[in-house]
PDB file of N, CA and C in Angstrom:
ATOM      1  N   MET A   1      50.786  -0.178  37.073  1.00  0.00           N
ATOM      2  CA  MET A   1      50.047  -1.112  36.265  1.00  0.00           C
ATOM      3  C   MET A   1      48.696  -0.477  35.894  1.00  0.00           C
ATOM      4  N   LYS A   2      48.276  -0.641  34.613  1.00  0.00           N
ATOM      5  CA  LYS A   2      47.019  -0.068  34.145  1.00  0.00           C
ATOM      6  C   LYS A   2      45.842  -0.907  34.605  1.00  0.00           C
ATOM      7  N   ALA A   3      44.775  -0.203  34.929  1.00  0.00           N
ATOM      8  CA  ALA A   3      43.550  -0.908  35.304  1.00  0.00           C
ATOM      9  C   ALA A   3      42.851  -1.364  34.030  1.00  0.00           C
ATOM     10  N   MET A   4      42.377  -2.572  34.030  1.00  0.00           N
ATOM     11  CA  MET A   4      41.690  -3.128  32.861  1.00  0.00           C
ATOM     12  C   MET A   4      40.194  -2.927  33.030  1.00  0.00           C
ATOM     13  N   THR A   5      39.562  -2.507  31.952  1.00  0.00           N
ATOM     14  CA  THR A   5      38.115  -2.376  31.991  1.00  0.00           C
ATOM     15  C   THR A   5      37.508  -3.436  31.104  1.00  0.00           C
ATOM     16  N   MET A   6      36.408  -3.960  31.537  1.00  0.00           N
ATOM     17  CA  MET A   6      35.726  -4.989  30.756  1.00  0.00           C
ATOM     18  C   MET A   6      34.456  -4.399  30.172  1.00  0.00           C
ATOM     19  N   LYS A   7      34.228  -4.696  28.923  1.00  0.00           N
ATOM     20  CA  LYS A   7      32.988  -4.283  28.277  1.00  0.00           C
ATOM     21  C   LYS A   7      31.917  -5.315  28.547  1.00  0.00           C
ATOM     22  N   ALA A   8      30.781  -4.840  28.906  1.00  0.00           N
ATOM     23  CA  ALA A   8      29.664  -5.759  29.108  1.00  0.00           C
ATOM     24  C   ALA A   8      29.122  -6.158  27.741  1.00  0.00           C
ATOM     25  N   LYS A   9      28.846  -7.430  27.579  1.00  0.00           N
ATOM     26  CA  LYS A   9      28.285  -7.907  26.320  1.00  0.00           C
ATOM     27  C   LYS A   9      26.825  -7.495  26.240  1.00  0.00           C
ATOM     28  N   GLU A  10      26.426  -7.140  25.009  1.00  0.00           N
ATOM     29  CA  GLU A  10      25.028  -6.765  24.802  1.00  0.00           C
ATOM     30  C   GLU A  10      24.180  -8.008  24.685  1.00  0.00           C
ATOM     31  N   SER A  11      22.984  -7.891  25.179  1.00  0.00           N
ATOM     32  CA  SER A  11      22.071  -9.032  25.106  1.00  0.00           C
ATOM     33  C   SER A  11      21.638  -9.243  23.654  1.00  0.00           C
ATOM     34  N   PRO A  12      21.242 -10.474  23.305  1.00  0.00           N
ATOM     35  CA  PRO A  12      20.776 -10.744  21.938  1.00  0.00           C
ATOM     36  C   PRO A  12      19.589  -9.876  21.535  1.00  0.00           C
ATOM     37  N   GLU A  13      18.726  -9.557  22.500  1.00  0.00           N
ATOM     38  CA  GLU A  13      17.573  -8.710  22.203  1.00  0.00           C
ATOM     39  C   GLU A  13      18.021  -7.313  21.786  1.00  0.00           C
ATOM     40  N   LYS A  14      19.006  -6.791  22.485  1.00  0.00           N
ATOM     41  CA  LYS A  14      19.512  -5.461  22.181  1.00  0.00           C
ATOM     42  C   LYS A  14      20.196  -5.448  20.815  1.00  0.00           C
ATOM     43  N   GLN A  15      20.952  -6.504  20.517  1.00  0.00           N
ATOM     44  CA  GLN A  15      21.598  -6.609  19.212  1.00  0.00           C
ATOM     45  C   GLN A  15      20.547  -6.676  18.116  1.00  0.00           C
ATOM     46  N   SER A  16      19.478  -7.433  18.339  1.00  0.00           N
ATOM     47  CA  SER A  16      18.407  -7.565  17.366  1.00  0.00           C
ATOM     48  C   SER A  16      17.734  -6.220  17.108  1.00  0.00           C
ATOM     49  N   GLU A  17      17.520  -5.445  18.176  1.00  0.00           N
ATOM     50  CA  GLU A  17      16.922  -4.116  18.029  1.00  0.00           C
ATOM     51  C   GLU A  17      17.816  -3.216  17.195  1.00  0.00           C
ATOM     52  N   GLN A  18      19.126  -3.304  17.407  1.00  0.00           N
ATOM     53  CA  GLN A  18      20.060  -2.470  16.652  1.00  0.00           C
ATOM     54  C   GLN A  18      20.065  -2.862  15.176  1.00  0.00           C
ATOM     55  N   VAL A  19      19.968  -4.152  14.884  1.00  0.00           N
ATOM     56  CA  VAL A  19      19.925  -4.618  13.498  1.00  0.00           C
ATOM     57  C   VAL A  19      18.657  -4.102  12.825  1.00  0.00           C
ATOM     58  N   LYS A  20      17.514  -4.175  13.525  1.00  0.00           N
ATOM     59  CA  LYS A  20      16.256  -3.670  12.975  1.00  0.00           C
ATOM     60  C   LYS A  20      16.347  -2.177  12.700  1.00  0.00           C
ATOM     61  N   LYS A  21      16.899  -1.425  13.649  1.00  0.00           N
ATOM     62  CA  LYS A  21      17.049   0.013  13.476  1.00  0.00           C
ATOM     63  C   LYS A  21      17.930   0.309  12.274  1.00  0.00           C
ATOM     64  N   THR A  22      19.045  -0.395  12.163  1.00  0.00           N
ATOM     65  CA  THR A  22      19.971  -0.174  11.064  1.00  0.00           C
ATOM     66  C   THR A  22      19.291  -0.447   9.734  1.00  0.00           C
ATOM     67  N   LYS A  23      18.518  -1.520   9.625  1.00  0.00           N
ATOM     68  CA  LYS A  23      17.847  -1.849   8.379  1.00  0.00           C
ATOM     69  C   LYS A  23      16.812  -0.794   8.008  1.00  0.00           C
ATOM     70  N   GLU A  24      16.097  -0.247   8.996  1.00  0.00           N
ATOM     71  CA  GLU A  24      15.112   0.791   8.729  1.00  0.00           C
ATOM     72  C   GLU A  24      15.791   2.070   8.272  1.00  0.00           C
ATOM     73  N   GLU A  25      16.975   2.334   8.793  1.00  0.00           N
ATOM     74  CA  GLU A  25      17.678   3.566   8.480  1.00  0.00           C
ATOM     75  C   GLU A  25      18.547   3.438   7.234  1.00  0.00           C
ATOM     76  N   GLU A  26      18.704   2.229   6.695  1.00  0.00           N
ATOM     77  CA  GLU A  26      19.514   2.035   5.500  1.00  0.00           C
ATOM     78  C   GLU A  26      18.966   2.871   4.360  1.00  0.00           C
ATOM     79  N   ALA A  27      19.879   3.305   3.517  1.00  0.00           N
ATOM     80  CA  ALA A  27      19.468   4.075   2.349  1.00  0.00           C
ATOM     81  C   ALA A  27      18.713   3.170   1.380  1.00  0.00           C
ATOM     82  N   ARG A  28      17.566   3.624   0.979  1.00  0.00           N
ATOM     83  CA  ARG A  28      16.734   2.925   0.011  1.00  0.00           C
ATOM     84  C   ARG A  28      16.390   3.903  -1.096  1.00  0.00           C
ATOM     85  N   PHE A  29      15.768   3.376  -2.136  1.00  0.00           N
ATOM     86  CA  PHE A  29      15.413   4.213  -3.268  1.00  0.00           C
ATOM     87  C   PHE A  29      13.921   4.149  -3.541  1.00  0.00           C
ATOM     88  N   LEU A  30      13.355   5.298  -3.816  1.00  0.00           N
ATOM     89  CA  LEU A  30      11.985   5.383  -4.294  1.00  0.00           C
ATOM     90  C   LEU A  30      12.065   5.277  -5.810  1.00  0.00           C
ATOM     91  N   ILE A  31      11.473   4.225  -6.350  1.00  0.00           N
ATOM     92  CA  ILE A  31      11.550   3.936  -7.779  1.00  0.00           C
ATOM     93  C   ILE A  31      10.215   4.270  -8.434  1.00  0.00           C
ATOM     94  N   LEU A  32      10.277   5.065  -9.483  1.00  0.00           N
ATOM     95  CA  LEU A  32       9.106   5.359 -10.296  1.00  0.00           C
ATOM     96  C   LEU A  32       9.154   4.452 -11.514  1.00  0.00           C
ATOM     97  N   HIS A  33       8.051   3.753 -11.787  1.00  0.00           N
ATOM     98  CA  HIS A  33       7.973   2.814 -12.913  1.00  0.00           C
ATOM     99  C   HIS A  33       7.149   3.418 -14.042  1.00  0.00           C
ATOM    100  N   ASN A  34       7.528   3.073 -15.256  1.00  0.00           N
ATOM    101  CA  ASN A  34       6.855   3.596 -16.437  1.00  0.00           C
ATOM    102  C   ASN A  34       5.448   3.022 -16.569  1.00  0.00           C
ATOM    103  N   ASP A  35       4.560   3.830 -17.106  1.00  0.00           N
ATOM    104  CA  ASP A  35       3.231   3.352 -17.489  1.00  0.00           C
ATOM    105  C   ASP A  35       2.843   4.050 -18.787  1.00  0.00           C
ATOM    106  N   ASP A  36       1.792   3.599 -19.405  1.00  0.00           N
ATOM    107  CA  ASP A  36       1.338   4.186 -20.667  1.00  0.00           C
ATOM    108  C   ASP A  36       0.081   5.030 -20.483  1.00  0.00           C
ATOM    109  N   HIS A  37      -0.185   5.451 -19.269  1.00  0.00           N
ATOM    110  CA  HIS A  37      -1.445   6.121 -18.981  1.00  0.00           C
ATOM    111  C   HIS A  37      -1.306   7.616 -18.709  1.00  0.00           C
ATOM    112  N   HIS A  38      -0.184   8.043 -18.187  1.00  0.00           N
ATOM    113  CA  HIS A  38      -0.058   9.428 -17.739  1.00  0.00           C
ATOM    114  C   HIS A  38       0.841  10.237 -18.665  1.00  0.00           C
ATOM    115  N   SER A  39       0.517  11.509 -18.781  1.00  0.00           N
ATOM    116  CA  SER A  39       1.313  12.402 -19.632  1.00  0.00           C
ATOM    117  C   SER A  39       2.607  12.791 -18.918  1.00  0.00           C
ATOM    118  N   PHE A  40       3.564  13.266 -19.703  1.00  0.00           N
ATOM    119  CA  PHE A  40       4.816  13.742 -19.128  1.00  0.00           C
ATOM    120  C   PHE A  40       4.548  14.869 -18.130  1.00  0.00           C
ATOM    121  N   ASP A  41       3.690  15.789 -18.501  1.00  0.00           N
ATOM    122  CA  ASP A  41       3.394  16.924 -17.616  1.00  0.00           C
ATOM    123  C   ASP A  41       2.801  16.470 -16.290  1.00  0.00           C
ATOM    124  N   TYR A  42       1.929  15.465 -16.326  1.00  0.00           N
ATOM    125  CA  TYR A  42       1.308  14.943 -15.106  1.00  0.00           C
ATOM    126  C   TYR A  42       2.374  14.367 -14.168  1.00  0.00           C
ATOM    127  N   VAL A  43       3.288  13.566 -14.727  1.00  0.00           N
ATOM    128  CA  VAL A  43       4.339  12.936 -13.916  1.00  0.00           C
ATOM    129  C   VAL A  43       5.307  13.994 -13.395  1.00  0.00           C
ATOM    130  N   ILE A  44       5.675  14.937 -14.237  1.00  0.00           N
ATOM    131  CA  ILE A  44       6.578  16.010 -13.811  1.00  0.00           C
ATOM    132  C   ILE A  44       5.958  16.790 -12.653  1.00  0.00           C
ATOM    133  N   ASP A  45       4.694  17.152 -12.776  1.00  0.00           N
ATOM    134  CA  ASP A  45       4.011  17.878 -11.697  1.00  0.00           C
ATOM    135  C   ASP A  45       3.969  17.060 -10.410  1.00  0.00           C
ATOM    136  N   ALA A  46       3.748  15.754 -10.533  1.00  0.00           N
ATOM    137  CA  ALA A  46       3.715  14.885  -9.351  1.00  0.00           C
ATOM    138  C   ALA A  46       5.077  14.847  -8.663  1.00  0.00           C
ATOM    139  N   LEU A  47       6.145  14.730  -9.435  1.00  0.00           N
ATOM    140  CA  LEU A  47       7.492  14.685  -8.841  1.00  0.00           C
ATOM    141  C   LEU A  47       7.855  16.016  -8.179  1.00  0.00           C
ATOM    142  N   ILE A  48       7.438  17.105  -8.773  1.00  0.00           N
ATOM    143  CA  ILE A  48       7.696  18.415  -8.174  1.00  0.00           C
ATOM    144  C   ILE A  48       6.928  18.535  -6.859  1.00  0.00           C
ATOM    145  N   SER A  49       5.685  18.149  -6.868  1.00  0.00           N
ATOM    146  CA  SER A  49       4.829  18.276  -5.694  1.00  0.00           C
ATOM    147  C   SER A  49       5.206  17.302  -4.581  1.00  0.00           C
ATOM    148  N   VAL A  50       5.361  16.042  -4.930  1.00  0.00           N
ATOM    149  CA  VAL A  50       5.563  14.993  -3.920  1.00  0.00           C
ATOM    150  C   VAL A  50       7.016  14.894  -3.474  1.00  0.00           C
ATOM    151  N   CYS A  51       7.941  14.876  -4.423  1.00  0.00           N
ATOM    152  CA  CYS A  51       9.357  14.637  -4.108  1.00  0.00           C
ATOM    153  C   CYS A  51      10.167  15.916  -3.985  1.00  0.00           C
ATOM    154  N   GLU A  52       9.506  17.055  -4.177  1.00  0.00           N
ATOM    155  CA  GLU A  52      10.157  18.351  -4.078  1.00  0.00           C
ATOM    156  C   GLU A  52      11.306  18.504  -5.075  1.00  0.00           C
ATOM    157  N   HIS A  53      11.135  17.928  -6.269  1.00  0.00           N
ATOM    158  CA  HIS A  53      12.115  18.117  -7.330  1.00  0.00           C
ATOM    159  C   HIS A  53      11.923  19.499  -7.935  1.00  0.00           C
ATOM    160  N   ASP A  54      12.996  20.037  -8.521  1.00  0.00           N
ATOM    161  CA  ASP A  54      12.799  21.230  -9.332  1.00  0.00           C
ATOM    162  C   ASP A  54      12.362  20.750 -10.719  1.00  0.00           C
ATOM    163  N   ALA A  55      11.974  21.666 -11.578  1.00  0.00           N
ATOM    164  CA  ALA A  55      11.408  21.297 -12.882  1.00  0.00           C
ATOM    165  C   ALA A  55      12.394  20.488 -13.725  1.00  0.00           C
ATOM    166  N   GLU A  56      13.661  20.860 -13.691  1.00  0.00           N
ATOM    167  CA  GLU A  56      14.664  20.150 -14.494  1.00  0.00           C
ATOM    168  C   GLU A  56      14.862  18.717 -14.000  1.00  0.00           C
ATOM    169  N   GLN A  57      14.984  18.540 -12.715  1.00  0.00           N
ATOM    170  CA  GLN A  57      15.168  17.199 -12.146  1.00  0.00           C
ATOM    171  C   GLN A  57      13.950  16.324 -12.419  1.00  0.00           C
ATOM    172  N   ALA A  58      12.762  16.879 -12.252  1.00  0.00           N
ATOM    173  CA  ALA A  58      11.532  16.129 -12.503  1.00  0.00           C
ATOM    174  C   ALA A  58      11.440  15.719 -13.969  1.00  0.00           C
ATOM    175  N   THR A  59      11.816  16.612 -14.869  1.00  0.00           N
ATOM    176  CA  THR A  59      11.799  16.308 -16.299  1.00  0.00           C
ATOM    177  C   THR A  59      12.789  15.196 -16.626  1.00  0.00           C
ATOM    178  N   GLN A  60      13.990  15.274 -16.081  1.00  0.00           N
ATOM    179  CA  GLN A  60      14.996  14.239 -16.331  1.00  0.00           C
ATOM    180  C   GLN A  60      14.540  12.880 -15.803  1.00  0.00           C
ATOM    181  N   CYS A  61      13.986  12.851 -14.605  1.00  0.00           N
ATOM    182  CA  CYS A  61      13.490  11.591 -14.033  1.00  0.00           C
ATOM    183  C   CYS A  61      12.357  11.015 -14.880  1.00  0.00           C
ATOM    184  N   THR A  62      11.489  11.880 -15.373  1.00  0.00           N
ATOM    185  CA  THR A  62      10.379  11.434 -16.205  1.00  0.00           C
ATOM    186  C   THR A  62      10.888  10.834 -17.509  1.00  0.00           C
ATOM    187  N   LEU A  63      11.877  11.471 -18.121  1.00  0.00           N
ATOM    188  CA  LEU A  63      12.444  10.942 -19.372  1.00  0.00           C
ATOM    189  C   LEU A  63      13.165   9.610 -19.140  1.00  0.00           C
ATOM    190  N   ILE A  64      13.918   9.524 -18.056  1.00  0.00           N
ATOM    191  CA  ILE A  64      14.602   8.260 -17.735  1.00  0.00           C
ATOM    192  C   ILE A  64      13.574   7.158 -17.519  1.00  0.00           C
ATOM    193  N   THR A  65      12.523   7.462 -16.774  1.00  0.00           N
ATOM    194  CA  THR A  65      11.461   6.482 -16.524  1.00  0.00           C
ATOM    195  C   THR A  65      10.835   6.029 -17.835  1.00  0.00           C
ATOM    196  N   HIS A  66      10.582   6.958 -18.720  1.00  0.00           N
ATOM    197  CA  HIS A  66       9.960   6.633 -20.011  1.00  0.00           C
ATOM    198  C   HIS A  66      10.852   5.729 -20.860  1.00  0.00           C
ATOM    199  N   TYR A  67      12.131   6.061 -20.967  1.00  0.00           N
ATOM    200  CA  TYR A  67      13.032   5.323 -21.864  1.00  0.00           C
ATOM    201  C   TYR A  67      13.645   4.075 -21.241  1.00  0.00           C
ATOM    202  N   LYS A  68      13.862   4.081 -19.932  1.00  0.00           N
ATOM    203  CA  LYS A  68      14.496   2.930 -19.271  1.00  0.00           C
ATOM    204  C   LYS A  68      13.496   2.023 -18.555  1.00  0.00           C
ATOM    205  N   GLY A  69      12.271   2.492 -18.357  1.00  0.00           N
ATOM    206  CA  GLY A  69      11.263   1.690 -17.685  1.00  0.00           C
ATOM    207  C   GLY A  69      11.110   1.987 -16.211  1.00  0.00           C
ATOM    208  N   LYS A  70      12.130   2.591 -15.616  1.00  0.00           N
ATOM    209  CA  LYS A  70      12.063   2.974 -14.207  1.00  0.00           C
ATOM    210  C   LYS A  70      13.191   3.947 -13.901  1.00  0.00           C
ATOM    211  N   CYS A  71      13.042   4.643 -12.773  1.00  0.00           N
ATOM    212  CA  CYS A  71      14.066   5.610 -12.358  1.00  0.00           C
ATOM    213  C   CYS A  71      13.992   5.771 -10.845  1.00  0.00           C
ATOM    214  N   ASP A  72      15.158   5.801 -10.203  1.00  0.00           N
ATOM    215  CA  ASP A  72      15.150   6.093  -8.768  1.00  0.00           C
ATOM    216  C   ASP A  72      15.053   7.607  -8.617  1.00  0.00           C
ATOM    217  N   VAL A  73      13.952   8.036  -8.033  1.00  0.00           N
ATOM    218  CA  VAL A  73      13.643   9.462  -7.960  1.00  0.00           C
ATOM    219  C   VAL A  73      13.994  10.096  -6.622  1.00  0.00           C
ATOM    220  N   LYS A  74      14.248   9.261  -5.608  1.00  0.00           N
ATOM    221  CA  LYS A  74      14.585   9.794  -4.278  1.00  0.00           C
ATOM    222  C   LYS A  74      15.328   8.721  -3.494  1.00  0.00           C
ATOM    223  N   LYS A  75      16.254   9.133  -2.640  1.00  0.00           N
ATOM    224  CA  LYS A  75      17.012   8.218  -1.794  1.00  0.00           C
ATOM    225  C   LYS A  75      16.805   8.610  -0.343  1.00  0.00           C
ATOM    226  N   GLY A  76      16.667   7.615   0.525  1.00  0.00           N
ATOM    227  CA  GLY A  76      16.504   7.894   1.947  1.00  0.00           C
ATOM    228  C   GLY A  76      16.087   6.654   2.699  1.00  0.00           C
ATOM    229  N   SER A  77      15.722   6.833   3.944  1.00  0.00           N
ATOM    230  CA  SER A  77      15.276   5.704   4.759  1.00  0.00           C
ATOM    231  C   SER A  77      13.856   5.308   4.342  1.00  0.00           C
ATOM    232  N   PHE A  78      13.471   4.125   4.738  1.00  0.00           N
ATOM    233  CA  PHE A  78      12.122   3.648   4.409  1.00  0.00           C
ATOM    234  C   PHE A  78      11.059   4.586   4.975  1.00  0.00           C
ATOM    235  N   THR A  79      11.261   5.020   6.204  1.00  0.00           N
ATOM    236  CA  THR A  79      10.258   5.884   6.846  1.00  0.00           C
ATOM    237  C   THR A  79      10.170   7.251   6.157  1.00  0.00           C
ATOM    238  N   TYR A  80      11.259   7.724   5.592  1.00  0.00           N
ATOM    239  CA  TYR A  80      11.270   8.989   4.859  1.00  0.00           C
ATOM    240  C   TYR A  80      10.578   8.841   3.502  1.00  0.00           C
ATOM    241  N   LEU A  81      10.818   7.711   2.824  1.00  0.00           N
ATOM    242  CA  LEU A  81      10.291   7.507   1.473  1.00  0.00           C
ATOM    243  C   LEU A  81       8.844   7.028   1.440  1.00  0.00           C
ATOM    244  N   SER A  82       8.398   6.349   2.474  1.00  0.00           N
ATOM    245  CA  SER A  82       7.075   5.739   2.476  1.00  0.00           C
ATOM    246  C   SER A  82       5.931   6.724   2.200  1.00  0.00           C
ATOM    247  N   PRO A  83       5.889   7.897   2.833  1.00  0.00           N
ATOM    248  CA  PRO A  83       4.803   8.840   2.521  1.00  0.00           C
ATOM    249  C   PRO A  83       4.846   9.328   1.066  1.00  0.00           C
ATOM    250  N   MET A  84       6.043   9.451   0.514  1.00  0.00           N
ATOM    251  CA  MET A  84       6.170   9.874  -0.891  1.00  0.00           C
ATOM    252  C   MET A  84       5.639   8.798  -1.824  1.00  0.00           C
ATOM    253  N   LYS A  85       5.972   7.552  -1.509  1.00  0.00           N
ATOM    254  CA  LYS A  85       5.467   6.443  -2.323  1.00  0.00           C
ATOM    255  C   LYS A  85       3.944   6.437  -2.296  1.00  0.00           C
ATOM    256  N   LYS A  86       3.375   6.566  -1.105  1.00  0.00           N
ATOM    257  CA  LYS A  86       1.914   6.566  -0.978  1.00  0.00           C
ATOM    258  C   LYS A  86       1.291   7.717  -1.760  1.00  0.00           C
ATOM    259  N   ALA A  87       1.933   8.871  -1.741  1.00  0.00           N
ATOM    260  CA  ALA A  87       1.408  10.028  -2.467  1.00  0.00           C
ATOM    261  C   ALA A  87       1.468   9.809  -3.978  1.00  0.00           C
ATOM    262  N   LEU A  88       2.542   9.180  -4.467  1.00  0.00           N
ATOM    263  CA  LEU A  88       2.644   8.892  -5.903  1.00  0.00           C
ATOM    264  C   LEU A  88       1.604   7.846  -6.306  1.00  0.00           C
ATOM    265  N   VAL A  89       1.437   6.834  -5.483  1.00  0.00           N
ATOM    266  CA  VAL A  89       0.439   5.785  -5.761  1.00  0.00           C
ATOM    267  C   VAL A  89      -0.974   6.384  -5.712  1.00  0.00           C
ATOM    268  N   ALA A  90      -1.210   7.315  -4.813  1.00  0.00           N
ATOM    269  CA  ALA A  90      -2.512   7.978  -4.737  1.00  0.00           C
ATOM    270  C   ALA A  90      -2.806   8.763  -6.026  1.00  0.00           C
ATOM    271  N   ARG A  91      -1.756   9.146  -6.727  1.00  0.00           N
ATOM    272  CA  ARG A  91      -1.907   9.831  -8.013  1.00  0.00           C
ATOM    273  C   ARG A  91      -1.911   8.833  -9.168  1.00  0.00           C
ATOM    274  N   GLU A  92      -2.083   7.575  -8.828  1.00  0.00           N
ATOM    275  CA  GLU A  92      -2.180   6.465  -9.790  1.00  0.00           C
ATOM    276  C   GLU A  92      -0.884   6.224 -10.575  1.00  0.00           C
ATOM    277  N   LEU A  93       0.259   6.605  -9.975  1.00  0.00           N
ATOM    278  CA  LEU A  93       1.559   6.285 -10.552  1.00  0.00           C
ATOM    279  C   LEU A  93       2.054   5.009  -9.882  1.00  0.00           C
ATOM    280  N   THR A  94       2.938   4.316 -10.555  1.00  0.00           N
ATOM    281  CA  THR A  94       3.490   3.089  -9.996  1.00  0.00           C
ATOM    282  C   THR A  94       4.834   3.397  -9.375  1.00  0.00           C
ATOM    283  N   ALA A  95       4.959   3.145  -8.074  1.00  0.00           N
ATOM    284  CA  ALA A  95       6.185   3.427  -7.347  1.00  0.00           C
ATOM    285  C   ALA A  95       6.457   2.309  -6.349  1.00  0.00           C
ATOM    286  N   THR A  96       7.736   2.045  -6.149  1.00  0.00           N
ATOM    287  CA  THR A  96       8.157   1.045  -5.169  1.00  0.00           C
ATOM    288  C   THR A  96       9.336   1.598  -4.376  1.00  0.00           C
ATOM    289  N   ILE A  97       9.614   0.968  -3.247  1.00  0.00           N
ATOM    290  CA  ILE A  97      10.785   1.292  -2.462  1.00  0.00           C
ATOM    291  C   ILE A  97      11.690   0.069  -2.470  1.00  0.00           C
ATOM    292  N   ASP A  98      12.890   0.241  -2.959  1.00  0.00           N
ATOM    293  CA  ASP A  98      13.869  -0.856  -3.012  1.00  0.00           C
ATOM    294  C   ASP A  98      15.080  -0.527  -2.173  1.00  0.00           C
TER     295      ASP A  98
END
């Protein structure tokens, strides 16, 4: 006869911690929003510097932002994207994390 093993139930606190961790680690997007103040070159340079885009990717994101009003420029966890958002905002660009 096989021995039966019982799984111990996790406490509600532990489950809550896991849910919080999962939400923080969920993939989010850094969104760049269009404005009428900055030149294409300024935005392209910012994306290259802050988001580590190559010139082609930065140019494409800038054009999408200009014509569509916004563009997701980076994907990752909130903790990964937050410093990039702050750096873009420090350059007076409009960015959000969704």
